Amino acid sequence: MAEGLRRIDETRLEVPKGYTGGMLVGGIIYLDRELEAFLEEGAVRQVANVATLPGIVKRSLAMPDIHTGYGFAIGGVAAFDLESGIVSPGGVGYDINCGVRLIRSNLTRTEILPRMKELVVRLYNEVPSGVGSKGRLRLTREEERVILMKGARWAVERGYGTTEDLERTESGGSMDGADPSLVSDRAFERGRAQQGTLGSGNHFLEIQYVAEIYDEKAAGMLGLFQDQITVMIHTGSRGLGHQVCTDYLEVMERAVRKYGITLPDKELACAPVNSPEGRDYLSAMKAAANYAWANRQCIMHWTMEALMKVMQASAEELGLKLVYDVAHNIAKIEEHTVDGVRKRLMVHRKGATRAFPPGHPELPEVYRELGQPVLIPGDMGRASFVLTGTERAMEETFGSTCHGAGRVMSRHQAIRQAKGRAIWREMEDAGIIVMSAGKRTLAEEMSEAYKDVSNVVDVVHRAGISRKVAKLRPLGVVKG
């Protein structure tokens, strides 16, 4: 165990309040003994550093996919009082509203396998991917401004989906209060040609099948069944969101001096929630989040078109429907119970997913009885998972759970490890067809670069902060 930590139980480690100077609250890292072997000292230090920030409530948290990030650890969750607390771009990340979307179908694995190669090639051609990739849409500045205001609703109004999709998207696919005037010209430029693109890194478009069902009733409510074909989309706000974060980190560095905030790490640059700087960042962040929801909506539309062409059937015949769409890099004002009192808080989730319980008023009617669907992407060679939110998550983690597998190798380490190997061939030998914009991406994203997502999901399931519903295994992957 890392020095100074205390194991509470089999799934929780405590970062005591005195772990580092200035901590206002303690921290908890959701981690079992097996995953503890991958815990980085730098990530623990970041959990402790977040606990020093003004107005933090209850505790600084981290999920089992924790690894070192910018300011906050990836996998970090923290909530702040609206009067005395702060908002920090480092608590959201550069890829604002990076998130996951899951599509279900009536197809089975045996039906799709003969067409898998053809389908992956078509998806690769239909959905642009890779560093700096440009999309099929040519937006005017005014159209881009509307996207930043409306999010996925813009895409649906353009014919890229239905209103039912919005009902199955977190926040209805659009955050109120977005202000495009607070987004820089440079961010507009970077986003103009990238709407409807996957991007690079760990982003992907994946054809999967339901390999295992843990909860038959929940799976049925989500429209999932054994051996069924699903499609998962993992991407975010592309260059626009990255630029918004970059721009506002500069603003926040000045705000720290202006408001006399003492920080243990300059990467935690922040401003009071109710300050002009804090409000401006939130309005620009919401605009970037809306861009990301529109992005995933457009990609879903072209993915469904590709499936229809390859299978020579309509969307209705194929049973193509959105299951849900979740964000895992975002800050939101939410209502939570603190010491028996309901309070509105600024909740930061950076590499963490909402896991709201059955009956929560923010859930769409279709899933109100079930609880929030939680979508956890793994690495391209293993599996992904569908879970649901729980009441325990509301009590312990501000309604949050993990977001993925979590890296254990840097990208440079992975490239060195993959030297002399043909990752695409290894994948094909394992029954997975993969296409990528470059060999480097496949090396960076090979399975060994990540924790086993099954272990990560087991921790949150055993801790009770989300419940396993289904395991999805990859058959075909398009990587950025």
Protein backbone atom coordinates (compact mmCIF):
# COMPACT_ATOMS: atom_id res chain seq x y z
CA MET A 1 0.00 0.00 0.00
CA ALA A 2 1.16 3.52 -0.79
CA GLU A 3 2.63 5.17 2.29
CA GLY A 4 0.19 7.20 4.37
CA LEU A 5 -2.98 5.52 3.04
CA ARG A 6 -5.38 3.41 5.11
CA ARG A 7 -7.52 0.57 3.78
CA ILE A 8 -11.14 1.02 4.89
CA ASP A 9 -12.41 -2.21 3.31
CA GLU A 10 -11.84 -4.41 0.27
CA THR A 11 -12.86 -1.66 -2.21
CA ARG A 12 -11.89 1.61 -0.50
CA LEU A 13 -8.64 3.34 0.45
CA GLU A 14 -8.63 6.43 2.66
CA VAL A 15 -6.38 9.38 1.95
CA PRO A 16 -6.28 10.85 5.49
CA LYS A 17 -6.86 14.55 6.00
CA GLY A 18 -3.21 15.02 7.04
CA TYR A 19 -1.76 13.27 3.98
CA THR A 20 -0.59 16.66 2.71
CA GLY A 21 -0.69 20.13 4.22
CA GLY A 22 -3.81 22.26 3.84
CA MET A 23 -6.35 19.46 3.26
CA LEU A 24 -9.83 20.62 4.27
CA VAL A 25 -11.34 17.13 3.96
CA GLY A 26 -10.05 13.58 3.54
CA GLY A 27 -10.10 11.52 0.38
CA ILE A 28 -11.33 8.11 -0.71
CA ILE A 29 -10.00 6.06 -3.62
CA TYR A 30 -12.18 3.15 -4.76
CA LEU A 31 -9.60 0.42 -5.28
CA ASP A 32 -9.16 -3.24 -4.37
CA ARG A 33 -5.87 -4.91 -3.47
CA GLU A 34 -5.27 -6.17 -7.02
CA LEU A 35 -5.64 -2.75 -8.68
CA GLU A 36 -3.69 -1.09 -5.86
CA ALA A 37 -0.53 -2.38 -7.56
CA PHE A 38 -1.13 0.16 -10.35
CA LEU A 39 -1.77 3.15 -8.06
CA GLU A 40 0.59 6.03 -8.87
CA GLU A 41 1.92 8.20 -6.05
CA GLY A 42 1.31 11.25 -8.25
CA ALA A 43 -2.38 10.40 -8.58
CA VAL A 44 -2.75 9.99 -4.80
CA ARG A 45 -1.07 13.37 -4.37
CA GLN A 46 -3.61 14.88 -6.80
CA VAL A 47 -6.54 13.47 -4.80
CA ALA A 48 -5.01 15.08 -1.69
CA ASN A 49 -4.34 18.38 -3.49
CA VAL A 50 -7.98 18.64 -4.62
CA ALA A 51 -8.94 18.30 -0.94
CA THR A 52 -7.20 21.66 -0.27
CA LEU A 53 -9.43 23.63 -2.67
CA PRO A 54 -11.80 26.23 -1.16
CA GLY A 55 -15.35 25.09 -0.47
CA ILE A 56 -14.81 21.37 -1.09
CA VAL A 57 -17.62 19.28 0.41
CA LYS A 58 -17.43 15.89 2.21
CA ARG A 59 -14.30 14.42 0.55
CA SER A 60 -12.09 14.26 -2.52
CA LEU A 61 -12.86 11.08 -4.47
CA ALA A 62 -11.26 8.89 -7.12
CA MET A 63 -12.56 5.89 -9.02
CA PRO A 64 -10.65 2.59 -9.64
CA ASP A 65 -9.55 3.72 -13.12
CA ILE A 66 -7.50 6.45 -11.41
CA HIS A 67 -4.27 7.67 -13.00
CA THR A 68 -2.31 10.91 -12.97
CA GLY A 69 -3.90 13.75 -14.92
CA TYR A 70 -3.68 17.54 -15.29
CA GLY A 71 -4.50 19.07 -11.89
CA PHE A 72 -7.14 16.53 -10.87
CA ALA A 73 -6.39 12.82 -11.20
CA ILE A 74 -8.25 11.15 -14.05
CA GLY A 75 -11.03 9.30 -12.28
CA GLY A 76 -11.44 12.24 -9.89
CA VAL A 77 -14.72 13.51 -8.43
CA ALA A 78 -15.13 16.57 -6.21
CA ALA A 79 -18.08 18.77 -5.23
CA PHE A 80 -17.90 22.39 -4.10
CA ASP A 81 -20.23 24.71 -2.22
CA LEU A 82 -21.74 27.32 -4.54
CA GLU A 83 -21.04 30.19 -2.14
CA SER A 84 -17.53 29.41 -0.89
CA GLY A 85 -16.36 26.95 -3.53
CA ILE A 86 -14.54 27.05 -6.84
CA VAL A 87 -14.69 25.74 -10.38
CA SER A 88 -11.51 24.42 -12.01
CA PRO A 89 -10.87 23.49 -15.67
CA GLY A 90 -8.45 20.85 -14.35
CA GLY A 91 -11.46 19.15 -12.74
CA VAL A 92 -13.10 18.71 -16.14
CA GLY A 93 -10.13 18.16 -18.42
CA TYR A 94 -9.13 19.21 -21.91
CA ASP A 95 -11.64 16.95 -23.68
CA ILE A 96 -14.78 18.60 -22.35
CA ASN A 97 -17.73 16.17 -22.41
CA CYS A 98 -15.73 13.27 -23.66
CA GLY A 99 -18.38 10.61 -23.33
CA VAL A 100 -19.93 7.38 -24.56
CA ARG A 101 -22.98 6.54 -26.64
CA LEU A 102 -24.42 3.02 -27.05
CA ILE A 103 -26.65 1.87 -29.92
CA ARG A 104 -28.62 -1.40 -29.78
CA SER A 105 -29.84 -3.54 -32.70
CA ASN A 106 -31.89 -6.67 -33.40
CA LEU A 107 -28.88 -8.26 -35.08
CA THR A 108 -27.02 -11.21 -33.60
CA ARG A 109 -23.34 -12.07 -33.74
CA THR A 110 -23.86 -14.88 -36.26
CA GLU A 111 -25.74 -12.52 -38.60
CA ILE A 112 -23.03 -9.83 -38.57
CA LEU A 113 -19.83 -11.91 -38.63
CA PRO A 114 -19.84 -12.62 -42.41
CA ARG A 115 -20.10 -8.85 -43.04
CA MET A 116 -17.77 -7.65 -40.29
CA LYS A 117 -14.80 -6.72 -42.50
CA GLU A 118 -17.06 -4.87 -44.94
CA LEU A 119 -18.79 -3.05 -42.09
CA VAL A 120 -15.56 -1.91 -40.41
CA VAL A 121 -14.20 -0.61 -43.74
CA ARG A 122 -17.42 1.28 -44.40
CA LEU A 123 -17.48 2.79 -40.91
CA TYR A 124 -13.85 3.82 -41.29
CA ASN A 125 -14.74 5.61 -44.53
CA GLU A 126 -18.02 7.10 -43.28
CA VAL A 127 -16.79 8.49 -39.93
CA PRO A 128 -13.56 10.55 -40.16
CA SER A 129 -10.96 9.73 -37.53
CA GLY A 130 -7.37 10.55 -36.58
CA VAL A 131 -5.45 13.62 -35.44
CA GLY A 132 -6.90 16.79 -36.97
CA SER A 133 -9.50 14.82 -38.92
CA LYS A 134 -12.08 16.86 -40.80
CA GLY A 135 -15.74 15.95 -40.99
CA ARG A 136 -18.36 15.75 -43.70
CA LEU A 137 -20.05 18.92 -42.45
CA ARG A 138 -18.94 22.35 -43.65
CA LEU A 139 -20.19 24.76 -41.02
CA THR A 140 -20.53 28.50 -41.19
CA ARG A 141 -19.66 30.40 -38.03
CA GLU A 142 -23.36 30.97 -37.40
CA GLU A 143 -24.13 27.24 -37.69
CA GLU A 144 -21.32 26.48 -35.28
CA ARG A 145 -22.68 29.08 -32.87
CA VAL A 146 -26.09 27.36 -32.97
CA ILE A 147 -24.45 23.97 -32.28
CA LEU A 148 -22.78 25.48 -29.19
CA MET A 149 -26.21 26.64 -28.01
CA LYS A 150 -28.35 23.62 -28.94
CA GLY A 151 -26.05 20.58 -28.80
CA ALA A 152 -27.57 17.31 -30.05
CA ARG A 153 -30.86 19.13 -30.67
CA TRP A 154 -29.17 20.95 -33.59
CA ALA A 155 -28.24 17.59 -35.15
CA VAL A 156 -31.77 16.20 -34.70
CA GLU A 157 -33.26 19.34 -36.26
CA ARG A 158 -30.95 18.77 -39.25
CA GLY A 159 -32.29 15.22 -39.68
CA TYR A 160 -29.44 13.43 -37.90
CA GLY A 161 -31.62 11.48 -35.49
CA THR A 162 -34.94 11.74 -33.65
CA THR A 163 -36.32 13.45 -30.56
CA GLU A 164 -36.29 10.01 -28.89
CA ASP A 165 -32.48 10.21 -29.06
CA LEU A 166 -32.55 13.41 -26.99
CA GLU A 167 -34.66 11.69 -24.31
CA ARG A 168 -31.94 9.01 -24.03
CA THR A 169 -29.04 11.47 -23.75
CA GLU A 170 -27.71 12.94 -20.50
CA SER A 171 -29.08 16.48 -20.03
CA GLY A 172 -31.19 15.94 -23.17
CA GLY A 173 -28.02 16.46 -25.20
CA SER A 174 -27.80 20.15 -24.35
CA MET A 175 -26.81 22.23 -21.31
CA ASP A 176 -28.68 25.48 -20.74
CA GLY A 177 -26.56 28.56 -20.15
CA ALA A 178 -24.01 28.00 -22.92
CA ASP A 179 -22.62 31.28 -24.28
CA PRO A 180 -20.77 31.05 -27.61
CA SER A 181 -19.59 34.66 -27.22
CA LEU A 182 -17.27 33.39 -24.45
CA VAL A 183 -15.65 30.85 -26.80
CA SER A 184 -12.53 32.20 -28.53
CA ASP A 185 -12.12 32.63 -32.29
CA ARG A 186 -9.34 30.03 -32.15
CA ALA A 187 -11.72 27.49 -30.57
CA PHE A 188 -14.33 28.26 -33.26
CA GLU A 189 -11.68 27.71 -35.95
CA ARG A 190 -10.59 24.38 -34.48
CA GLY A 191 -14.17 23.14 -34.18
CA ARG A 192 -15.49 24.26 -37.56
CA ALA A 193 -14.25 21.27 -39.60
CA GLN A 194 -14.32 18.66 -36.82
CA GLN A 195 -18.04 18.24 -36.13
CA GLY A 196 -18.92 14.59 -36.81
CA THR A 197 -15.38 13.22 -36.30
CA LEU A 198 -13.94 10.67 -33.86
CA GLY A 199 -10.55 12.28 -33.35
CA SER A 200 -7.55 10.35 -32.07
CA GLY A 201 -6.14 8.74 -28.92
CA ASN A 202 -8.50 6.51 -26.96
CA HIS A 203 -11.56 7.53 -28.98
CA PHE A 204 -13.24 4.77 -30.93
CA LEU A 205 -16.23 3.41 -32.78
CA GLU A 206 -16.78 -0.23 -31.90
CA ILE A 207 -19.05 -3.05 -33.11
CA GLN A 208 -19.67 -5.29 -30.10
CA TYR A 209 -21.81 -8.22 -29.03
CA VAL A 210 -23.47 -8.87 -25.68
CA ALA A 211 -21.21 -11.56 -24.24
CA GLU A 212 -22.70 -11.81 -20.76
CA ILE A 213 -25.79 -10.60 -18.94
CA TYR A 214 -25.67 -10.15 -15.15
CA ASP A 215 -29.14 -8.66 -14.62
CA GLU A 216 -31.83 -9.98 -16.99
CA LYS A 217 -34.52 -7.49 -15.92
CA ALA A 218 -32.27 -4.43 -16.30
CA ALA A 219 -30.91 -5.72 -19.63
CA GLY A 220 -34.48 -6.18 -20.89
CA MET A 221 -35.39 -2.61 -19.91
CA LEU A 222 -32.35 -1.39 -21.86
CA GLY A 223 -33.27 -3.51 -24.89
CA LEU A 224 -30.23 -5.80 -24.53
CA PHE A 225 -30.09 -9.59 -25.03
CA GLN A 226 -27.45 -12.34 -25.28
CA ASP A 227 -25.29 -12.33 -28.46
CA GLN A 228 -26.92 -9.08 -29.63
CA ILE A 229 -24.94 -6.61 -31.75
CA THR A 230 -24.38 -3.17 -30.22
CA VAL A 231 -22.31 -0.18 -31.31
CA MET A 232 -20.36 2.03 -28.90
CA ILE A 233 -19.12 5.54 -29.76
CA HIS A 234 -16.47 7.15 -27.53
CA THR A 235 -15.43 10.72 -28.36
CA GLY A 236 -15.80 14.31 -27.17
CA SER A 237 -15.57 17.98 -28.11
CA ARG A 238 -12.43 17.64 -30.24
CA GLY A 239 -10.17 20.68 -30.80
CA LEU A 240 -12.87 23.13 -29.76
CA GLY A 241 -13.11 21.73 -26.22
CA HIS A 242 -9.33 21.49 -25.93
CA GLN A 243 -9.00 25.16 -26.87
CA VAL A 244 -11.71 26.23 -24.40
CA CYS A 245 -9.77 24.50 -21.62
CA THR A 246 -6.48 26.04 -22.75
CA ASP A 247 -7.99 29.53 -22.92
CA TYR A 248 -9.62 29.38 -19.50
CA LEU A 249 -6.59 27.94 -17.72
CA GLU A 250 -4.91 31.27 -18.52
CA VAL A 251 -7.96 33.14 -17.18
CA MET A 252 -7.93 31.02 -14.01
CA GLU A 253 -4.22 31.56 -13.38
CA ARG A 254 -4.93 35.29 -13.18
CA ALA A 255 -8.04 34.66 -11.06
CA VAL A 256 -6.01 32.71 -8.48
CA ARG A 257 -3.88 35.80 -7.90
CA LYS A 258 -6.86 38.16 -7.99
CA TYR A 259 -8.82 36.22 -5.32
CA GLY A 260 -5.80 35.25 -3.22
CA ILE A 261 -6.33 31.50 -3.59
CA THR A 262 -3.42 29.38 -2.36
CA LEU A 263 -2.79 26.27 -4.44
CA PRO A 264 -0.47 23.28 -3.89
CA ASP A 265 -0.24 22.85 -7.69
CA LYS A 266 -0.65 25.56 -10.33
CA GLU A 267 -2.51 23.02 -12.53
CA LEU A 268 -5.42 23.40 -10.10
CA ALA A 269 -5.97 27.00 -11.31
CA CYS A 270 -9.54 27.94 -10.44
CA ALA A 271 -11.93 30.76 -9.61
CA PRO A 272 -14.87 31.12 -7.23
CA VAL A 273 -18.01 29.57 -8.75
CA ASN A 274 -19.87 32.87 -8.56
CA SER A 275 -17.04 35.09 -9.82
CA PRO A 276 -17.12 36.55 -13.37
CA GLU A 277 -14.24 34.22 -14.32
CA GLY A 278 -16.01 31.17 -12.88
CA ARG A 279 -19.29 31.98 -14.60
CA ASP A 280 -17.55 32.67 -17.93
CA TYR A 281 -15.70 29.34 -17.84
CA LEU A 282 -18.90 27.44 -17.06
CA SER A 283 -20.75 29.11 -19.94
CA ALA A 284 -17.90 28.30 -22.36
CA MET A 285 -17.61 24.75 -20.97
CA LYS A 286 -21.33 24.20 -21.55
CA ALA A 287 -20.90 25.37 -25.16
CA ALA A 288 -18.09 22.84 -25.66
CA ALA A 289 -20.21 20.13 -24.00
CA ASN A 290 -23.02 20.89 -26.43
CA TYR A 291 -20.58 20.59 -29.34
CA ALA A 292 -19.63 17.11 -28.08
CA TRP A 293 -23.24 15.94 -27.82
CA ALA A 294 -23.88 17.13 -31.38
CA ASN A 295 -20.70 15.32 -32.45
CA ARG A 296 -21.80 11.96 -31.03
CA GLN A 297 -25.30 12.46 -32.45
CA CYS A 298 -23.93 13.02 -35.98
CA ILE A 299 -21.53 10.07 -35.71
CA MET A 300 -24.42 7.85 -34.58
CA HIS A 301 -26.45 8.87 -37.64
CA TRP A 302 -23.64 7.98 -40.06
CA THR A 303 -22.94 4.75 -38.16
CA MET A 304 -26.57 3.69 -38.54
CA GLU A 305 -26.47 4.59 -42.24
CA ALA A 306 -23.39 2.38 -42.68
CA LEU A 307 -25.13 -0.53 -40.94
CA MET A 308 -28.20 -0.10 -43.12
CA LYS A 309 -26.13 -0.10 -46.31
CA VAL A 310 -24.07 -3.15 -45.37
CA MET A 311 -27.04 -5.16 -44.08
CA GLN A 312 -29.38 -3.81 -46.81
CA ALA A 313 -32.18 -3.12 -44.37
CA SER A 314 -33.89 -0.12 -42.74
CA ALA A 315 -33.19 1.19 -39.24
CA GLU A 316 -36.58 -0.16 -38.16
CA GLU A 317 -35.86 -3.63 -39.58
CA LEU A 318 -32.46 -3.67 -37.86
CA GLY A 319 -33.94 -2.38 -34.58
CA LEU A 320 -31.36 0.42 -34.37
CA LYS A 321 -31.97 2.64 -31.33
CA LEU A 322 -29.94 4.71 -28.93
CA VAL A 323 -29.68 3.07 -25.50
CA TYR A 324 -28.07 6.08 -23.77
CA ASP A 325 -25.35 8.73 -23.98
CA VAL A 326 -23.25 9.76 -20.96
CA ALA A 327 -20.62 12.44 -20.33
CA HIS A 328 -17.53 11.66 -18.25
CA ASN A 329 -15.57 14.97 -18.36
CA ILE A 330 -17.86 17.70 -17.09
CA ALA A 331 -18.84 20.03 -14.22
CA LYS A 332 -22.51 20.44 -13.26
CA ILE A 333 -24.61 22.10 -10.60
CA GLU A 334 -26.54 19.29 -8.88
CA GLU A 335 -28.54 18.78 -5.70
CA HIS A 336 -27.08 16.41 -3.10
CA THR A 337 -27.59 15.68 0.60
CA VAL A 338 -24.75 16.86 2.85
CA ASP A 339 -25.05 16.18 6.59
CA GLY A 340 -28.77 15.62 6.18
CA VAL A 341 -29.34 18.88 4.28
CA ARG A 342 -30.15 19.16 0.56
CA LYS A 343 -27.62 21.48 -1.11
CA ARG A 344 -26.86 22.62 -4.62
CA LEU A 345 -23.21 21.87 -5.40
CA MET A 346 -20.74 22.28 -8.26
CA VAL A 347 -19.79 18.66 -9.04
CA HIS A 348 -16.63 18.05 -11.08
CA ARG A 349 -16.28 14.68 -12.82
CA LYS A 350 -13.01 14.16 -14.64
CA GLY A 351 -12.92 10.63 -16.00
CA ALA A 352 -16.00 9.69 -13.98
CA THR A 353 -19.61 8.94 -14.94
CA ARG A 354 -22.90 9.93 -13.38
CA ALA A 355 -24.55 6.95 -11.68
CA PHE A 356 -27.90 8.34 -10.50
CA PRO A 357 -30.29 5.88 -8.77
CA PRO A 358 -33.82 4.76 -9.66
CA GLY A 359 -36.35 7.53 -9.18
CA HIS A 360 -33.93 10.43 -9.64
CA PRO A 361 -35.77 13.40 -11.18
CA GLU A 362 -32.99 14.12 -13.70
CA LEU A 363 -33.37 10.69 -15.31
CA PRO A 364 -35.51 10.34 -18.45
CA GLU A 365 -38.91 8.76 -17.88
CA VAL A 366 -37.92 5.65 -19.83
CA TYR A 367 -35.18 4.83 -17.27
CA ARG A 368 -36.64 6.43 -14.13
CA GLU A 369 -37.57 3.06 -12.62
CA LEU A 370 -34.28 1.41 -13.65
CA GLY A 371 -31.75 4.03 -12.64
CA GLN A 372 -29.24 5.70 -14.93
CA PRO A 373 -27.57 3.56 -17.57
CA VAL A 374 -23.79 3.75 -17.07
CA LEU A 375 -21.57 3.03 -20.10
CA ILE A 376 -17.98 1.96 -19.39
CA PRO A 377 -15.68 1.57 -22.42
CA GLY A 378 -12.70 -0.75 -22.09
CA ASP A 379 -9.67 -1.20 -24.30
CA MET A 380 -10.11 -2.40 -27.88
CA GLY A 381 -9.08 -6.00 -27.15
CA ARG A 382 -11.09 -6.90 -24.03
CA ALA A 383 -14.59 -5.67 -23.22
CA SER A 384 -16.89 -2.80 -22.31
CA PHE A 385 -19.70 -2.77 -19.74
CA VAL A 386 -23.21 -1.50 -19.13
CA LEU A 387 -24.08 -0.76 -15.50
CA THR A 388 -26.81 1.15 -13.67
CA GLY A 389 -26.64 3.81 -10.96
CA THR A 390 -27.46 3.24 -7.30
CA GLU A 391 -28.64 5.01 -4.16
CA ARG A 392 -25.30 4.22 -2.55
CA ALA A 393 -23.54 6.24 -5.24
CA MET A 394 -25.71 9.23 -4.29
CA GLU A 395 -24.77 8.79 -0.63
CA GLU A 396 -21.02 8.25 -1.15
CA THR A 397 -19.82 9.66 -4.48
CA PHE A 398 -22.26 12.42 -5.47
CA GLY A 399 -23.89 9.89 -7.83
CA SER A 400 -20.63 8.95 -9.60
CA THR A 401 -18.78 5.84 -10.75
CA CYS A 402 -15.82 4.91 -12.99
CA HIS A 403 -15.52 5.87 -16.68
CA GLY A 404 -13.22 3.29 -18.29
CA ALA A 405 -10.22 1.03 -17.80
CA GLY A 406 -7.55 3.61 -16.90
CA ARG A 407 -4.07 3.69 -18.40
CA VAL A 408 -1.14 1.89 -16.81
CA MET A 409 1.40 2.82 -19.52
CA SER A 410 2.14 6.21 -21.04
CA ARG A 411 1.69 6.42 -24.78
CA HIS A 412 5.47 6.47 -25.25
CA GLN A 413 5.85 3.34 -23.08
CA ALA A 414 3.17 1.57 -25.11
CA ILE A 415 4.88 2.44 -28.40
CA ARG A 416 8.16 1.04 -27.09
CA GLN A 417 6.42 -2.11 -25.87
CA ALA A 418 4.73 -2.63 -29.26
CA LYS A 419 7.93 -2.25 -31.28
CA GLY A 420 8.26 -5.07 -33.82
CA ARG A 421 4.67 -6.24 -33.25
CA ALA A 422 1.71 -6.07 -35.67
CA ILE A 423 -1.05 -5.10 -33.25
CA TRP A 424 -3.72 -5.23 -35.96
CA ARG A 425 -2.77 -8.83 -36.75
CA GLU A 426 -2.80 -9.80 -33.07
CA MET A 427 -6.29 -8.31 -32.87
CA GLU A 428 -7.43 -10.15 -35.99
CA ASP A 429 -6.09 -13.43 -34.58
CA ALA A 430 -8.28 -12.74 -31.54
CA GLY A 431 -11.32 -12.30 -33.81
CA ILE A 432 -11.37 -8.49 -33.80
CA ILE A 433 -11.16 -6.48 -37.05
CA VAL A 434 -9.49 -3.12 -36.42
CA MET A 435 -8.82 -0.10 -38.64
CA SER A 436 -6.92 2.98 -37.56
CA ALA A 437 -5.64 6.24 -39.01
CA GLY A 438 -2.12 5.08 -38.11
CA LYS A 439 -0.07 2.21 -36.65
CA ARG A 440 1.10 4.48 -33.83
CA THR A 441 -2.45 4.76 -32.47
CA LEU A 442 -2.81 0.97 -32.33
CA ALA A 443 0.44 0.74 -30.39
CA GLU A 444 -0.62 3.47 -27.96
CA GLU A 445 -4.01 1.85 -27.44
CA MET A 446 -3.07 -1.84 -27.16
CA SER A 447 -4.73 -3.73 -24.32
CA GLU A 448 -1.59 -3.96 -22.18
CA ALA A 449 -1.53 -0.15 -21.92
CA TYR A 450 -4.68 -0.33 -19.75
CA LYS A 451 -5.94 -1.91 -16.57
CA ASP A 452 -8.35 -4.76 -17.21
CA VAL A 453 -11.72 -3.00 -17.29
CA SER A 454 -13.39 -6.13 -15.81
CA ASN A 455 -11.39 -5.58 -12.60
CA VAL A 456 -12.29 -1.88 -12.53
CA VAL A 457 -15.99 -2.61 -12.96
CA ASP A 458 -15.89 -5.36 -10.33
CA VAL A 459 -14.66 -2.78 -7.79
CA VAL A 460 -17.50 -0.31 -8.36
CA HIS A 461 -20.01 -3.19 -8.41
CA ARG A 462 -18.74 -4.64 -5.11
CA ALA A 463 -18.57 -1.14 -3.60
CA GLY A 464 -22.24 -0.71 -4.53
CA ILE A 465 -21.80 2.57 -6.44
CA SER A 466 -23.09 0.96 -9.65
CA ARG A 467 -24.44 -2.44 -10.67
CA LYS A 468 -23.31 -4.66 -13.52
CA VAL A 469 -25.90 -5.32 -16.23
CA ALA A 470 -23.99 -6.61 -19.28
CA LYS A 471 -20.54 -7.23 -20.73
CA LEU A 472 -19.92 -6.25 -24.37
CA ARG A 473 -17.05 -7.78 -26.35
CA PRO A 474 -15.54 -6.14 -29.45
CA LEU A 475 -15.81 -7.62 -32.96
CA GLY A 476 -14.76 -4.61 -35.02
CA VAL A 477 -13.02 -1.36 -34.05
CA VAL A 478 -12.37 1.97 -35.75
CA LYS A 479 -9.68 3.89 -33.88
CA GLY A 480 -8.78 7.54 -34.25
